Amino acid sequence: MDAEDKILTSKFSDIKVSDLKNYFNDMFTLRDLCDDFIELFKREEKYYLDEERYNMLLEDEARMVDDLHQITEEIRNGYEDILSAFYNRRIDRERQRLTKAFKEIEKKPKQPQEKDN
């Protein structure tokens, strides 16, 4: 699913389409960066601990941690309104689910309590 598809399924009345597009593009960048990070870990297994290549991979992983931190901070700070909209939508969905469950419980007839003799 590309950014355009995600925009169509993530309609928010108070968020600009261009902001959503930028958000999803940044999320794709984050996903790609995470995939690269995982690949570094997989490549570690090909080398012995004392090999120079192994140490280079560890250094690349350390740099990648900084890159991940930077992009996640940019997403958190740059798209607060979008993140809040997703959080609020989730809260609303959970509230609706709970309300429906409580209404179902209320419909069930109450069982008479057994008296202790």
PDB file of N, CA and C in Angstrom:
ATOM      1  N   MET A   1       0.856  -1.165   0.000  1.00  0.00           N
ATOM      2  CA  MET A   1       0.000   0.000   0.000  1.00  0.00           C
ATOM      3  C   MET A   1       0.909   1.237   0.000  1.00  0.00           C
ATOM      4  N   ASP A   2       0.651   2.140  -0.917  1.00  0.00           N
ATOM      5  CA  ASP A   2       1.475   3.343  -0.988  1.00  0.00           C
ATOM      6  C   ASP A   2       0.818   4.493  -0.222  1.00  0.00           C
ATOM      7  N   ALA A   3       1.474   5.626  -0.220  1.00  0.00           N
ATOM      8  CA  ALA A   3       0.997   6.775   0.559  1.00  0.00           C
ATOM      9  C   ALA A   3      -0.389   7.219   0.105  1.00  0.00           C
ATOM     10  N   GLU A   4      -0.637   7.195  -1.191  1.00  0.00           N
ATOM     11  CA  GLU A   4      -1.942   7.625  -1.714  1.00  0.00           C
ATOM     12  C   GLU A   4      -3.064   6.737  -1.183  1.00  0.00           C
ATOM     13  N   ASP A   5      -2.834   5.426  -1.159  1.00  0.00           N
ATOM     14  CA  ASP A   5      -3.841   4.494  -0.638  1.00  0.00           C
ATOM     15  C   ASP A   5      -4.092   4.741   0.846  1.00  0.00           C
ATOM     16  N   LYS A   6      -3.013   4.972   1.582  1.00  0.00           N
ATOM     17  CA  LYS A   6      -3.160   5.207   3.016  1.00  0.00           C
ATOM     18  C   LYS A   6      -3.919   6.505   3.285  1.00  0.00           C
ATOM     19  N   ILE A   7      -3.697   7.515   2.459  1.00  0.00           N
ATOM     20  CA  ILE A   7      -4.404   8.787   2.630  1.00  0.00           C
ATOM     21  C   ILE A   7      -5.902   8.575   2.464  1.00  0.00           C
ATOM     22  N   LEU A   8      -6.283   7.774   1.479  1.00  0.00           N
ATOM     23  CA  LEU A   8      -7.704   7.526   1.226  1.00  0.00           C
ATOM     24  C   LEU A   8      -8.385   6.811   2.389  1.00  0.00           C
ATOM     25  N   THR A   9      -7.634   5.960   3.088  1.00  0.00           N
ATOM     26  CA  THR A   9      -8.237   5.214   4.194  1.00  0.00           C
ATOM     27  C   THR A   9      -8.095   5.936   5.530  1.00  0.00           C
ATOM     28  N   SER A  10      -7.350   7.037   5.539  1.00  0.00           N
ATOM     29  CA  SER A  10      -7.090   7.757   6.799  1.00  0.00           C
ATOM     30  C   SER A  10      -7.632   9.175   6.738  1.00  0.00           C
ATOM     31  N   LYS A  11      -8.874   9.298   6.436  1.00  0.00           N
ATOM     32  CA  LYS A  11      -9.462  10.626   6.286  1.00  0.00           C
ATOM     33  C   LYS A  11      -9.671  11.281   7.643  1.00  0.00           C
ATOM     34  N   PHE A  12      -9.146  12.491   7.756  1.00  0.00           N
ATOM     35  CA  PHE A  12      -9.354  13.311   8.940  1.00  0.00           C
ATOM     36  C   PHE A  12      -9.822  14.681   8.448  1.00  0.00           C
ATOM     37  N   SER A  13     -10.875  15.185   9.028  1.00  0.00           N
ATOM     38  CA  SER A  13     -11.433  16.446   8.548  1.00  0.00           C
ATOM     39  C   SER A  13     -10.531  17.644   8.817  1.00  0.00           C
ATOM     40  N   ASP A  14      -9.712  17.585   9.842  1.00  0.00           N
ATOM     41  CA  ASP A  14      -8.911  18.743  10.222  1.00  0.00           C
ATOM     42  C   ASP A  14      -7.430  18.633   9.860  1.00  0.00           C
ATOM     43  N   ILE A  15      -7.079  17.668   9.010  1.00  0.00           N
ATOM     44  CA  ILE A  15      -5.676  17.486   8.612  1.00  0.00           C
ATOM     45  C   ILE A  15      -5.581  17.570   7.094  1.00  0.00           C
ATOM     46  N   LYS A  16      -4.621  18.351   6.630  1.00  0.00           N
ATOM     47  CA  LYS A  16      -4.438  18.538   5.192  1.00  0.00           C
ATOM     48  C   LYS A  16      -3.904  17.257   4.557  1.00  0.00           C
ATOM     49  N   VAL A  17      -4.347  17.007   3.343  1.00  0.00           N
ATOM     50  CA  VAL A  17      -3.915  15.835   2.602  1.00  0.00           C
ATOM     51  C   VAL A  17      -2.403  15.873   2.390  1.00  0.00           C
ATOM     52  N   SER A  18      -1.853  17.032   2.123  1.00  0.00           N
ATOM     53  CA  SER A  18      -0.406  17.136   1.908  1.00  0.00           C
ATOM     54  C   SER A  18       0.368  16.755   3.174  1.00  0.00           C
ATOM     55  N   ASP A  19      -0.171  17.110   4.349  1.00  0.00           N
ATOM     56  CA  ASP A  19       0.475  16.724   5.604  1.00  0.00           C
ATOM     57  C   ASP A  19       0.433  15.211   5.797  1.00  0.00           C
ATOM     58  N   LEU A  20      -0.706  14.606   5.470  1.00  0.00           N
ATOM     59  CA  LEU A  20      -0.819  13.144   5.567  1.00  0.00           C
ATOM     60  C   LEU A  20       0.151  12.465   4.605  1.00  0.00           C
ATOM     61  N   LYS A  21       0.267  12.998   3.410  1.00  0.00           N
ATOM     62  CA  LYS A  21       1.175  12.413   2.425  1.00  0.00           C
ATOM     63  C   LYS A  21       2.615  12.474   2.938  1.00  0.00           C
ATOM     64  N   ASN A  22       3.013  13.617   3.471  1.00  0.00           N
ATOM     65  CA  ASN A  22       4.360  13.749   4.020  1.00  0.00           C
ATOM     66  C   ASN A  22       4.580  12.790   5.187  1.00  0.00           C
ATOM     67  N   TYR A  23       3.565  12.669   6.037  1.00  0.00           N
ATOM     68  CA  TYR A  23       3.644  11.758   7.182  1.00  0.00           C
ATOM     69  C   TYR A  23       3.869  10.322   6.706  1.00  0.00           C
ATOM     70  N   PHE A  24       3.056   9.874   5.772  1.00  0.00           N
ATOM     71  CA  PHE A  24       3.187   8.498   5.305  1.00  0.00           C
ATOM     72  C   PHE A  24       4.506   8.276   4.566  1.00  0.00           C
ATOM     73  N   ASN A  25       4.963   9.261   3.825  1.00  0.00           N
ATOM     74  CA  ASN A  25       6.270   9.130   3.173  1.00  0.00           C
ATOM     75  C   ASN A  25       7.379   9.003   4.202  1.00  0.00           C
ATOM     76  N   ASP A  26       7.302   9.777   5.281  1.00  0.00           N
ATOM     77  CA  ASP A  26       8.291   9.657   6.349  1.00  0.00           C
ATOM     78  C   ASP A  26       8.185   8.306   7.057  1.00  0.00           C
ATOM     79  N   MET A  27       6.972   7.802   7.190  1.00  0.00           N
ATOM     80  CA  MET A  27       6.799   6.477   7.793  1.00  0.00           C
ATOM     81  C   MET A  27       7.406   5.389   6.903  1.00  0.00           C
ATOM     82  N   PHE A  28       7.282   5.533   5.577  1.00  0.00           N
ATOM     83  CA  PHE A  28       7.925   4.582   4.666  1.00  0.00           C
ATOM     84  C   PHE A  28       9.444   4.659   4.790  1.00  0.00           C
ATOM     85  N   THR A  29       9.960   5.852   4.951  1.00  0.00           N
ATOM     86  CA  THR A  29      11.396   6.022   5.156  1.00  0.00           C
ATOM     87  C   THR A  29      11.831   5.327   6.441  1.00  0.00           C
ATOM     88  N   LEU A  30      11.041   5.489   7.493  1.00  0.00           N
ATOM     89  CA  LEU A  30      11.335   4.820   8.761  1.00  0.00           C
ATOM     90  C   LEU A  30      11.311   3.307   8.594  1.00  0.00           C
ATOM     91  N   ARG A  31      10.315   2.808   7.886  1.00  0.00           N
ATOM     92  CA  ARG A  31      10.229   1.361   7.648  1.00  0.00           C
ATOM     93  C   ARG A  31      11.468   0.862   6.913  1.00  0.00           C
ATOM     94  N   ASP A  32      11.884   1.588   5.890  1.00  0.00           N
ATOM     95  CA  ASP A  32      13.068   1.183   5.134  1.00  0.00           C
ATOM     96  C   ASP A  32      14.314   1.202   6.006  1.00  0.00           C
ATOM     97  N   LEU A  33      14.415   2.200   6.852  1.00  0.00           N
ATOM     98  CA  LEU A  33      15.549   2.297   7.760  1.00  0.00           C
ATOM     99  C   LEU A  33      15.552   1.124   8.744  1.00  0.00           C
ATOM    100  N   CYS A  34      14.393   0.756   9.239  1.00  0.00           N
ATOM    101  CA  CYS A  34      14.280  -0.403  10.144  1.00  0.00           C
ATOM    102  C   CYS A  34      14.673  -1.691   9.418  1.00  0.00           C
ATOM    103  N   ASP A  35      14.249  -1.815   8.159  1.00  0.00           N
ATOM    104  CA  ASP A  35      14.644  -2.988   7.380  1.00  0.00           C
ATOM    105  C   ASP A  35      16.164  -3.057   7.225  1.00  0.00           C
ATOM    106  N   ASP A  36      16.775  -1.913   6.971  1.00  0.00           N
ATOM    107  CA  ASP A  36      18.240  -1.869   6.848  1.00  0.00           C
ATOM    108  C   ASP A  36      18.909  -2.250   8.162  1.00  0.00           C
ATOM    109  N   PHE A  37      18.337  -1.805   9.263  1.00  0.00           N
ATOM    110  CA  PHE A  37      18.874  -2.118  10.591  1.00  0.00           C
ATOM    111  C   PHE A  37      18.835  -3.617  10.838  1.00  0.00           C
ATOM    112  N   ILE A  38      17.732  -4.230  10.505  1.00  0.00           N
ATOM    113  CA  ILE A  38      17.583  -5.680  10.672  1.00  0.00           C
ATOM    114  C   ILE A  38      18.579  -6.425   9.787  1.00  0.00           C
ATOM    115  N   GLU A  39      18.782  -5.939   8.584  1.00  0.00           N
ATOM    116  CA  GLU A  39      19.750  -6.572   7.682  1.00  0.00           C
ATOM    117  C   GLU A  39      21.160  -6.530   8.261  1.00  0.00           C
ATOM    118  N   LEU A  40      21.498  -5.432   8.937  1.00  0.00           N
ATOM    119  CA  LEU A  40      22.813  -5.359   9.576  1.00  0.00           C
ATOM    120  C   LEU A  40      22.976  -6.475  10.601  1.00  0.00           C
ATOM    121  N   PHE A  41      21.933  -6.720  11.384  1.00  0.00           N
ATOM    122  CA  PHE A  41      21.993  -7.797  12.377  1.00  0.00           C
ATOM    123  C   PHE A  41      22.152  -9.159  11.700  1.00  0.00           C
ATOM    124  N   LYS A  42      21.453  -9.358  10.615  1.00  0.00           N
ATOM    125  CA  LYS A  42      21.565 -10.631   9.913  1.00  0.00           C
ATOM    126  C   LYS A  42      22.970 -10.824   9.337  1.00  0.00           C
ATOM    127  N   ARG A  43      23.557  -9.736   8.857  1.00  0.00           N
ATOM    128  CA  ARG A  43      24.899  -9.823   8.283  1.00  0.00           C
ATOM    129  C   ARG A  43      25.952 -10.106   9.356  1.00  0.00           C
ATOM    130  N   GLU A  44      25.686  -9.725  10.589  1.00  0.00           N
ATOM    131  CA  GLU A  44      26.624 -10.004  11.688  1.00  0.00           C
ATOM    132  C   GLU A  44      26.938 -11.487  11.783  1.00  0.00           C
ATOM    133  N   GLU A  45      25.947 -12.313  11.554  1.00  0.00           N
ATOM    134  CA  GLU A  45      26.090 -13.752  11.724  1.00  0.00           C
ATOM    135  C   GLU A  45      27.061 -14.377  10.720  1.00  0.00           C
ATOM    136  N   LYS A  46      27.422 -13.627   9.707  1.00  0.00           N
ATOM    137  CA  LYS A  46      28.322 -14.147   8.680  1.00  0.00           C
ATOM    138  C   LYS A  46      29.793 -13.996   9.044  1.00  0.00           C
ATOM    139  N   TYR A  47      30.063 -13.274  10.105  1.00  0.00           N
ATOM    140  CA  TYR A  47      31.451 -12.967  10.446  1.00  0.00           C
ATOM    141  C   TYR A  47      31.785 -13.442  11.860  1.00  0.00           C
ATOM    142  N   TYR A  48      33.069 -13.688  12.084  1.00  0.00           N
ATOM    143  CA  TYR A  48      33.542 -14.002  13.423  1.00  0.00           C
ATOM    144  C   TYR A  48      33.676 -12.716  14.224  1.00  0.00           C
ATOM    145  N   LEU A  49      33.590 -12.833  15.536  1.00  0.00           N
ATOM    146  CA  LEU A  49      33.620 -11.660  16.404  1.00  0.00           C
ATOM    147  C   LEU A  49      34.903 -10.850  16.279  1.00  0.00           C
ATOM    148  N   ASP A  50      35.986 -11.483  15.960  1.00  0.00           N
ATOM    149  CA  ASP A  50      37.250 -10.752  15.903  1.00  0.00           C
ATOM    150  C   ASP A  50      37.587 -10.217  14.503  1.00  0.00           C
ATOM    151  N   GLU A  51      36.698 -10.384  13.550  1.00  0.00           N
ATOM    152  CA  GLU A  51      36.942  -9.881  12.199  1.00  0.00           C
ATOM    153  C   GLU A  51      36.668  -8.382  12.112  1.00  0.00           C
ATOM    154  N   GLU A  52      37.412  -7.722  11.268  1.00  0.00           N
ATOM    155  CA  GLU A  52      37.246  -6.283  11.062  1.00  0.00           C
ATOM    156  C   GLU A  52      35.847  -5.967  10.518  1.00  0.00           C
ATOM    157  N   ARG A  53      35.360  -6.789   9.623  1.00  0.00           N
ATOM    158  CA  ARG A  53      34.034  -6.565   9.028  1.00  0.00           C
ATOM    159  C   ARG A  53      32.939  -6.593  10.098  1.00  0.00           C
ATOM    160  N   TYR A  54      33.087  -7.467  11.056  1.00  0.00           N
ATOM    161  CA  TYR A  54      32.117  -7.546  12.159  1.00  0.00           C
ATOM    162  C   TYR A  54      32.096  -6.228  12.931  1.00  0.00           C
ATOM    163  N   ASN A  55      33.266  -5.718  13.246  1.00  0.00           N
ATOM    164  CA  ASN A  55      33.329  -4.450  13.968  1.00  0.00           C
ATOM    165  C   ASN A  55      32.756  -3.303  13.149  1.00  0.00           C
ATOM    166  N   MET A  56      32.950  -3.334  11.855  1.00  0.00           N
ATOM    167  CA  MET A  56      32.374  -2.299  10.997  1.00  0.00           C
ATOM    168  C   MET A  56      30.850  -2.352  11.020  1.00  0.00           C
ATOM    169  N   LEU A  57      30.315  -3.560  11.054  1.00  0.00           N
ATOM    170  CA  LEU A  57      28.857  -3.710  11.145  1.00  0.00           C
ATOM    171  C   LEU A  57      28.337  -3.128  12.457  1.00  0.00           C
ATOM    172  N   LEU A  58      29.038  -3.382  13.542  1.00  0.00           N
ATOM    173  CA  LEU A  58      28.634  -2.820  14.835  1.00  0.00           C
ATOM    174  C   LEU A  58      28.646  -1.299  14.794  1.00  0.00           C
ATOM    175  N   GLU A  59      29.635  -0.741  14.130  1.00  0.00           N
ATOM    176  CA  GLU A  59      29.702   0.719  13.993  1.00  0.00           C
ATOM    177  C   GLU A  59      28.549   1.240  13.138  1.00  0.00           C
ATOM    178  N   ASP A  60      28.235   0.512  12.070  1.00  0.00           N
ATOM    179  CA  ASP A  60      27.098   0.896  11.232  1.00  0.00           C
ATOM    180  C   ASP A  60      25.796   0.838  12.026  1.00  0.00           C
ATOM    181  N   GLU A  61      25.649  -0.171  12.882  1.00  0.00           N
ATOM    182  CA  GLU A  61      24.451  -0.286  13.716  1.00  0.00           C
ATOM    183  C   GLU A  61      24.344   0.898  14.668  1.00  0.00           C
ATOM    184  N   ALA A  62      25.458   1.300  15.243  1.00  0.00           N
ATOM    185  CA  ALA A  62      25.438   2.444  16.159  1.00  0.00           C
ATOM    186  C   ALA A  62      25.005   3.712  15.426  1.00  0.00           C
ATOM    187  N   ARG A  63      25.516   3.900  14.235  1.00  0.00           N
ATOM    188  CA  ARG A  63      25.120   5.055  13.437  1.00  0.00           C
ATOM    189  C   ARG A  63      23.634   4.980  13.075  1.00  0.00           C
ATOM    190  N   MET A  64      23.184   3.778  12.763  1.00  0.00           N
ATOM    191  CA  MET A  64      21.782   3.568  12.401  1.00  0.00           C
ATOM    192  C   MET A  64      20.854   3.889  13.572  1.00  0.00           C
ATOM    193  N   VAL A  65      21.276   3.603  14.789  1.00  0.00           N
ATOM    194  CA  VAL A  65      20.472   3.949  15.969  1.00  0.00           C
ATOM    195  C   VAL A  65      20.254   5.463  16.010  1.00  0.00           C
ATOM    196  N   ASP A  66      21.305   6.210  15.732  1.00  0.00           N
ATOM    197  CA  ASP A  66      21.164   7.672  15.696  1.00  0.00           C
ATOM    198  C   ASP A  66      20.211   8.111  14.595  1.00  0.00           C
ATOM    199  N   ASP A  67      20.303   7.469  13.436  1.00  0.00           N
ATOM    200  CA  ASP A  67      19.405   7.804  12.332  1.00  0.00           C
ATOM    201  C   ASP A  67      17.956   7.497  12.691  1.00  0.00           C
ATOM    202  N   LEU A  68      17.738   6.338  13.321  1.00  0.00           N
ATOM    203  CA  LEU A  68      16.383   5.970  13.742  1.00  0.00           C
ATOM    204  C   LEU A  68      15.840   6.966  14.760  1.00  0.00           C
ATOM    205  N   HIS A  69      16.678   7.348  15.699  1.00  0.00           N
ATOM    206  CA  HIS A  69      16.260   8.318  16.702  1.00  0.00           C
ATOM    207  C   HIS A  69      15.888   9.647  16.047  1.00  0.00           C
ATOM    208  N   GLN A  70      16.704  10.083  15.125  1.00  0.00           N
ATOM    209  CA  GLN A  70      16.451  11.361  14.468  1.00  0.00           C
ATOM    210  C   GLN A  70      15.129  11.354  13.713  1.00  0.00           C
ATOM    211  N   ILE A  71      14.888  10.319  12.922  1.00  0.00           N
ATOM    212  CA  ILE A  71      13.665  10.311  12.130  1.00  0.00           C
ATOM    213  C   ILE A  71      12.425  10.125  12.999  1.00  0.00           C
ATOM    214  N   THR A  72      12.530   9.317  14.050  1.00  0.00           N
ATOM    215  CA  THR A  72      11.357   9.159  14.913  1.00  0.00           C
ATOM    216  C   THR A  72      11.057  10.448  15.669  1.00  0.00           C
ATOM    217  N   GLU A  73      12.094  11.166  16.075  1.00  0.00           N
ATOM    218  CA  GLU A  73      11.873  12.464  16.730  1.00  0.00           C
ATOM    219  C   GLU A  73      11.247  13.458  15.759  1.00  0.00           C
ATOM    220  N   GLU A  74      11.698  13.447  14.511  1.00  0.00           N
ATOM    221  CA  GLU A  74      11.128  14.339  13.512  1.00  0.00           C
ATOM    222  C   GLU A  74       9.664  14.004  13.268  1.00  0.00           C
ATOM    223  N   ILE A  75       9.345  12.731  13.242  1.00  0.00           N
ATOM    224  CA  ILE A  75       7.952  12.320  13.045  1.00  0.00           C
ATOM    225  C   ILE A  75       7.113  12.734  14.249  1.00  0.00           C
ATOM    226  N   ARG A  76       7.608  12.457  15.446  1.00  0.00           N
ATOM    227  CA  ARG A  76       6.853  12.807  16.656  1.00  0.00           C
ATOM    228  C   ARG A  76       6.637  14.312  16.779  1.00  0.00           C
ATOM    229  N   ASN A  77       7.666  15.092  16.488  1.00  0.00           N
ATOM    230  CA  ASN A  77       7.561  16.543  16.642  1.00  0.00           C
ATOM    231  C   ASN A  77       6.874  17.218  15.461  1.00  0.00           C
ATOM    232  N   GLY A  78       7.072  16.671  14.266  1.00  0.00           N
ATOM    233  CA  GLY A  78       6.524  17.309  13.076  1.00  0.00           C
ATOM    234  C   GLY A  78       5.094  16.946  12.759  1.00  0.00           C
ATOM    235  N   TYR A  79       4.628  15.852  13.333  1.00  0.00           N
ATOM    236  CA  TYR A  79       3.286  15.372  12.996  1.00  0.00           C
ATOM    237  C   TYR A  79       2.447  15.112  14.245  1.00  0.00           C
ATOM    238  N   GLU A  80       2.587  15.963  15.234  1.00  0.00           N
ATOM    239  CA  GLU A  80       1.842  15.773  16.482  1.00  0.00           C
ATOM    240  C   GLU A  80       0.338  15.719  16.241  1.00  0.00           C
ATOM    241  N   ASP A  81      -0.153  16.583  15.355  1.00  0.00           N
ATOM    242  CA  ASP A  81      -1.588  16.616  15.093  1.00  0.00           C
ATOM    243  C   ASP A  81      -2.071  15.331  14.429  1.00  0.00           C
ATOM    244  N   ILE A  82      -1.261  14.766  13.558  1.00  0.00           N
ATOM    245  CA  ILE A  82      -1.645  13.517  12.898  1.00  0.00           C
ATOM    246  C   ILE A  82      -1.596  12.357  13.883  1.00  0.00           C
ATOM    247  N   LEU A  83      -0.540  12.296  14.679  1.00  0.00           N
ATOM    248  CA  LEU A  83      -0.454  11.242  15.686  1.00  0.00           C
ATOM    249  C   LEU A  83      -1.618  11.337  16.671  1.00  0.00           C
ATOM    250  N   SER A  84      -1.949  12.540  17.096  1.00  0.00           N
ATOM    251  CA  SER A  84      -3.079  12.727  18.010  1.00  0.00           C
ATOM    252  C   SER A  84      -4.383  12.279  17.365  1.00  0.00           C
ATOM    253  N   ALA A  85      -4.537  12.567  16.082  1.00  0.00           N
ATOM    254  CA  ALA A  85      -5.760  12.147  15.386  1.00  0.00           C
ATOM    255  C   ALA A  85      -5.863  10.622  15.360  1.00  0.00           C
ATOM    256  N   PHE A  86      -4.745   9.943  15.108  1.00  0.00           N
ATOM    257  CA  PHE A  86      -4.768   8.478  15.134  1.00  0.00           C
ATOM    258  C   PHE A  86      -5.044   7.960  16.539  1.00  0.00           C
ATOM    259  N   TYR A  87      -4.412   8.554  17.555  1.00  0.00           N
ATOM    260  CA  TYR A  87      -4.669   8.144  18.940  1.00  0.00           C
ATOM    261  C   TYR A  87      -6.132   8.334  19.296  1.00  0.00           C
ATOM    262  N   ASN A  88      -6.687   9.490  18.950  1.00  0.00           N
ATOM    263  CA  ASN A  88      -8.084   9.783  19.280  1.00  0.00           C
ATOM    264  C   ASN A  88      -9.032   8.839  18.550  1.00  0.00           C
ATOM    265  N   ARG A  89      -8.727   8.538  17.306  1.00  0.00           N
ATOM    266  CA  ARG A  89      -9.574   7.611  16.561  1.00  0.00           C
ATOM    267  C   ARG A  89      -9.550   6.235  17.220  1.00  0.00           C
ATOM    268  N   ARG A  90      -8.400   5.823  17.700  1.00  0.00           N
ATOM    269  CA  ARG A  90      -8.313   4.532  18.383  1.00  0.00           C
ATOM    270  C   ARG A  90      -9.123   4.545  19.675  1.00  0.00           C
ATOM    271  N   ILE A  91      -9.000   5.619  20.429  1.00  0.00           N
ATOM    272  CA  ILE A  91      -9.768   5.742  21.674  1.00  0.00           C
ATOM    273  C   ILE A  91     -11.256   5.693  21.378  1.00  0.00           C
ATOM    274  N   ASP A  92     -11.695   6.405  20.349  1.00  0.00           N
ATOM    275  CA  ASP A  92     -13.117   6.397  19.976  1.00  0.00           C
ATOM    276  C   ASP A  92     -13.573   4.997  19.572  1.00  0.00           C
ATOM    277  N   ARG A  93     -12.752   4.289  18.801  1.00  0.00           N
ATOM    278  CA  ARG A  93     -13.105   2.939  18.378  1.00  0.00           C
ATOM    279  C   ARG A  93     -13.207   2.005  19.581  1.00  0.00           C
ATOM    280  N   GLU A  94     -12.269   2.107  20.522  1.00  0.00           N
ATOM    281  CA  GLU A  94     -12.305   1.280  21.728  1.00  0.00           C
ATOM    282  C   GLU A  94     -13.527   1.614  22.578  1.00  0.00           C
ATOM    283  N   ARG A  95     -13.826   2.898  22.684  1.00  0.00           N
ATOM    284  CA  ARG A  95     -15.003   3.318  23.456  1.00  0.00           C
ATOM    285  C   ARG A  95     -16.280   2.752  22.830  1.00  0.00           C
ATOM    286  N   GLN A  96     -16.384   2.787  21.504  1.00  0.00           N
ATOM    287  CA  GLN A  96     -17.553   2.228  20.823  1.00  0.00           C
ATOM    288  C   GLN A  96     -17.647   0.725  21.043  1.00  0.00           C
ATOM    289  N   ARG A  97     -16.496   0.062  20.996  1.00  0.00           N
ATOM    290  CA  ARG A  97     -16.485  -1.386  21.210  1.00  0.00           C
ATOM    291  C   ARG A  97     -16.936  -1.735  22.621  1.00  0.00           C
ATOM    292  N   LEU A  98     -16.443  -0.986  23.603  1.00  0.00           N
ATOM    293  CA  LEU A  98     -16.830  -1.230  24.992  1.00  0.00           C
ATOM    294  C   LEU A  98     -18.301  -0.906  25.226  1.00  0.00           C
ATOM    295  N   THR A  99     -18.769   0.171  24.628  1.00  0.00           N
ATOM    296  CA  THR A  99     -20.177   0.543  24.769  1.00  0.00           C
ATOM    297  C   THR A  99     -21.064  -0.548  24.195  1.00  0.00           C
ATOM    298  N   LYS A 100     -20.683  -1.066  23.044  1.00  0.00           N
ATOM    299  CA  LYS A 100     -21.453  -2.152  22.431  1.00  0.00           C
ATOM    300  C   LYS A 100     -21.447  -3.392  23.331  1.00  0.00           C
ATOM    301  N   ALA A 101     -20.296  -3.713  23.904  1.00  0.00           N
ATOM    302  CA  ALA A 101     -20.201  -4.879  24.780  1.00  0.00           C
ATOM    303  C   ALA A 101     -21.059  -4.700  26.023  1.00  0.00           C
ATOM    304  N   PHE A 102     -21.055  -3.506  26.612  1.00  0.00           N
ATOM    305  CA  PHE A 102     -21.874  -3.260  27.793  1.00  0.00           C
ATOM    306  C   PHE A 102     -23.360  -3.334  27.470  1.00  0.00           C
ATOM    307  N   LYS A 103     -23.740  -2.856  26.308  1.00  0.00           N
ATOM    308  CA  LYS A 103     -25.150  -2.940  25.907  1.00  0.00           C
ATOM    309  C   LYS A 103     -25.583  -4.390  25.728  1.00  0.00           C
ATOM    310  N   GLU A 104     -24.675  -5.217  25.200  1.00  0.00           N
ATOM    311  CA  GLU A 104     -24.980  -6.638  25.045  1.00  0.00           C
ATOM    312  C   GLU A 104     -25.147  -7.302  26.410  1.00  0.00           C
ATOM    313  N   ILE A 105     -24.312  -6.921  27.344  1.00  0.00           N
ATOM    314  CA  ILE A 105     -24.408  -7.478  28.698  1.00  0.00           C
ATOM    315  C   ILE A 105     -25.721  -7.068  29.344  1.00  0.00           C
ATOM    316  N   GLU A 106     -26.119  -5.826  29.145  1.00  0.00           N
ATOM    317  CA  GLU A 106     -27.364  -5.339  29.735  1.00  0.00           C
ATOM    318  C   GLU A 106     -28.579  -6.054  29.165  1.00  0.00           C
ATOM    319  N   LYS A 107     -28.512  -6.525  27.916  1.00  0.00           N
ATOM    320  CA  LYS A 107     -29.627  -7.220  27.287  1.00  0.00           C
ATOM    321  C   LYS A 107     -29.847  -8.604  27.879  1.00  0.00           C
ATOM    322  N   LYS A 108     -28.783  -9.217  28.367  1.00  0.00           N
ATOM    323  CA  LYS A 108     -28.901 -10.571  28.899  1.00  0.00           C
ATOM    324  C   LYS A 108     -29.718 -10.545  30.186  1.00  0.00           C
ATOM    325  N   PRO A 109     -30.616 -11.507  30.339  1.00  0.00           N
ATOM    326  CA  PRO A 109     -31.393 -11.547  31.582  1.00  0.00           C
ATOM    327  C   PRO A 109     -30.496 -11.884  32.768  1.00  0.00           C
ATOM    328  N   LYS A 110     -30.785 -11.254  33.862  1.00  0.00           N
ATOM    329  CA  LYS A 110     -29.996 -11.505  35.071  1.00  0.00           C
ATOM    330  C   LYS A 110     -30.413 -12.831  35.676  1.00  0.00           C
ATOM    331  N   GLN A 111     -29.433 -13.558  36.136  1.00  0.00           N
ATOM    332  CA  GLN A 111     -29.673 -14.839  36.775  1.00  0.00           C
ATOM    333  C   GLN A 111     -30.064 -14.581  38.229  1.00  0.00           C
ATOM    334  N   PRO A 112     -31.067 -15.291  38.704  1.00  0.00           N
ATOM    335  CA  PRO A 112     -31.423 -15.116  40.120  1.00  0.00           C
ATOM    336  C   PRO A 112     -30.288 -15.604  41.012  1.00  0.00           C
ATOM    337  N   GLN A 113     -30.087 -14.897  42.082  1.00  0.00           N
ATOM    338  CA  GLN A 113     -29.035 -15.285  43.001  1.00  0.00           C
ATOM    339  C   GLN A 113     -29.523 -16.457  43.849  1.00  0.00           C
ATOM    340  N   GLU A 114     -28.618 -17.393  44.094  1.00  0.00           N
ATOM    341  CA  GLU A 114     -28.966 -18.525  44.935  1.00  0.00           C
ATOM    342  C   GLU A 114     -28.808 -18.103  46.389  1.00  0.00           C
ATOM    343  N   LYS A 115     -29.775 -18.514  47.190  1.00  0.00           N
ATOM    344  CA  LYS A 115     -29.709 -18.185  48.611  1.00  0.00           C
ATOM    345  C   LYS A 115     -28.978 -19.280  49.344  1.00  0.00           C
ATOM    346  N   ASP A 116     -28.151 -18.846  50.295  1.00  0.00           N
ATOM    347  CA  ASP A 116     -27.452 -19.801  51.165  1.00  0.00           C
ATOM    348  C   ASP A 116     -28.406 -20.269  52.233  1.00  0.00           C
ATOM    349  N   ASN A 117     -28.416 -21.560  52.523  1.00  0.00           N
ATOM    350  CA  ASN A 117     -29.289 -22.089  53.580  1.00  0.00           C
ATOM    351  C   ASN A 117     -28.552 -22.295  54.842  1.00  0.00           C
TER     352      ASN A 117
END
